[in-house]
Protein backbone atom coordinates (compact mmCIF):
# COMPACT_ATOMS: atom_id res chain seq x y z
CA MET A 1 78.33 142.62 120.05
CA ASN A 2 79.63 143.98 123.32
CA LEU A 3 82.09 142.22 125.60
CA LYS A 4 79.51 140.99 128.10
CA HIS A 5 77.44 139.36 125.36
CA PHE A 6 80.57 137.76 123.92
CA CYS A 7 81.37 136.26 127.34
CA TYR A 8 77.85 134.85 127.60
CA LEU A 9 78.15 133.42 124.09
CA LEU A 10 81.33 131.65 125.18
CA LEU A 11 79.45 130.30 128.21
CA ILE A 12 76.66 128.93 126.00
CA LEU A 13 79.20 127.36 123.65
CA ALA A 14 80.91 125.71 126.63
CA VAL A 15 77.57 124.26 127.75
CA ALA A 16 76.87 122.94 124.26
CA ALA A 17 80.37 121.48 123.93
CA SER A 18 80.22 119.77 127.31
CA LEU A 19 76.76 118.29 126.67
CA SER A 20 78.01 116.75 123.43
CA GLN A 21 80.72 114.78 125.25
CA ALA A 22 80.50 111.46 127.06
CA ASN A 23 81.99 112.93 130.24
CA SER A 24 79.89 116.09 130.33
CA LEU A 25 80.76 117.15 133.87
CA ILE A 26 84.50 116.78 133.41
CA THR A 27 84.35 118.60 130.07
CA TRP A 28 82.23 121.36 131.63
CA LEU A 29 84.59 121.87 134.55
CA PHE A 30 87.60 121.98 132.24
CA LEU A 31 86.00 124.46 129.84
CA ILE A 32 84.49 126.78 132.45
CA ASN A 33 87.74 126.96 134.41
CA LEU A 34 89.75 127.62 131.26
CA LEU A 35 87.31 130.34 130.20
CA THR A 36 87.23 131.92 133.66
CA PHE A 37 91.02 131.94 133.90
CA THR A 38 91.20 133.52 130.43
CA LEU A 39 88.61 136.16 131.34
CA TYR A 40 90.63 137.23 134.38
CA GLY A 41 93.72 137.57 132.21
CA ALA A 42 91.82 139.48 129.53
CA ASP A 43 90.26 141.79 132.13
CA LYS A 44 93.65 142.52 133.69
CA TYR A 45 95.07 143.30 130.26
CA ALA A 46 92.08 145.53 129.47
CA ALA A 47 92.53 147.36 132.78
CA ARG A 48 96.15 148.14 131.98
CA ALA A 49 95.36 149.20 128.41
CA SER A 50 92.32 151.31 129.45
CA TRP A 51 90.02 149.21 127.28
CA ARG A 52 86.49 148.05 127.92
CA ARG A 53 86.48 145.74 130.94
CA VAL A 54 84.73 142.46 131.66
CA PRO A 55 81.88 143.29 134.07
CA GLU A 56 82.36 142.05 137.63
CA SER A 57 78.96 140.38 137.47
CA THR A 58 80.20 138.30 134.53
CA LEU A 59 83.35 137.27 136.39
CA LEU A 60 81.24 136.30 139.40
CA LEU A 61 78.79 134.34 137.23
CA PHE A 62 81.60 132.34 135.65
CA GLY A 63 82.90 131.56 139.13
CA PHE A 64 79.42 130.62 140.34
CA VAL A 65 78.81 128.06 137.59
CA GLY A 66 81.96 126.15 138.46
CA GLY A 67 84.83 128.32 137.34
CA TRP A 68 85.98 129.43 140.77
CA PRO A 69 89.20 127.33 140.72
CA GLY A 70 90.14 129.00 137.43
CA ALA A 71 89.24 132.35 138.97
CA ILE A 72 91.49 131.72 141.96
CA CYS A 73 94.36 130.79 139.62
CA GLY A 74 93.69 133.87 137.49
CA GLN A 75 93.57 136.12 140.53
CA ALA A 76 96.87 134.73 141.78
CA LEU A 77 98.73 134.71 138.47
CA PHE A 78 97.50 138.05 137.15
CA ARG A 79 97.20 139.72 140.59
CA HIS A 80 93.72 140.78 139.63
CA LYS A 81 90.62 141.36 141.77
CA THR A 82 92.40 140.27 144.93
CA GLN A 83 91.76 143.37 147.03
CA LYS A 84 88.61 144.93 145.58
CA GLN A 85 85.58 144.98 147.87
CA PRO A 86 82.74 143.96 147.65
CA PHE A 87 83.90 141.71 144.77
CA LYS A 88 86.17 139.77 147.12
CA THR A 89 83.30 139.14 149.56
CA TYR A 90 80.90 138.03 146.81
CA PHE A 91 83.55 135.75 145.34
CA PHE A 92 84.21 134.16 148.75
CA ILE A 93 80.48 133.51 149.18
CA ILE A 94 80.36 131.88 145.72
CA VAL A 95 83.28 129.59 146.56
CA VAL A 96 81.69 128.55 149.86
CA LEU A 97 78.32 127.91 148.18
CA ASN A 98 79.98 125.76 145.51
CA ILE A 99 81.87 123.70 148.09
CA VAL A 100 78.73 123.23 150.20
CA ALA A 101 76.79 122.14 147.09
CA VAL A 102 79.45 119.59 146.11
CA VAL A 103 79.62 118.18 149.64
CA ALA A 104 75.80 118.00 149.83
CA LEU A 105 75.57 116.22 146.47
CA TYR A 106 78.30 113.79 147.47
CA TRP A 107 76.57 113.06 150.77
CA TRP A 108 73.20 112.66 149.06
CA TYR A 109 74.53 110.20 146.47
CA GLN A 110 76.34 108.21 149.18
CA ASN A 111 73.17 107.83 151.24
CA TYR A 112 70.64 107.15 148.46
């Protein structure tokens, strides 16, 4: 099993774990942010050790499905992926899309 497949397996396990809980959304957000933060740390360590890296698409996917706060913390703490383009641009777009989606859902539930 390669690293990318292992990351996706962790994502599927996080979905299954969150769906089995009473507070699925809170559990999901906790797990995805913890996993995303851990992936940034693991990727930084792999970069320094010249090991196989976590693909950027995987890091972006984890941010897209709700792990962007964990990604921001991982970027800040590990000083990882903070300057690389176009990753930085794609990540910014993902954060904006997530915030817009949350605001839209909040507005929709308030009005209906």
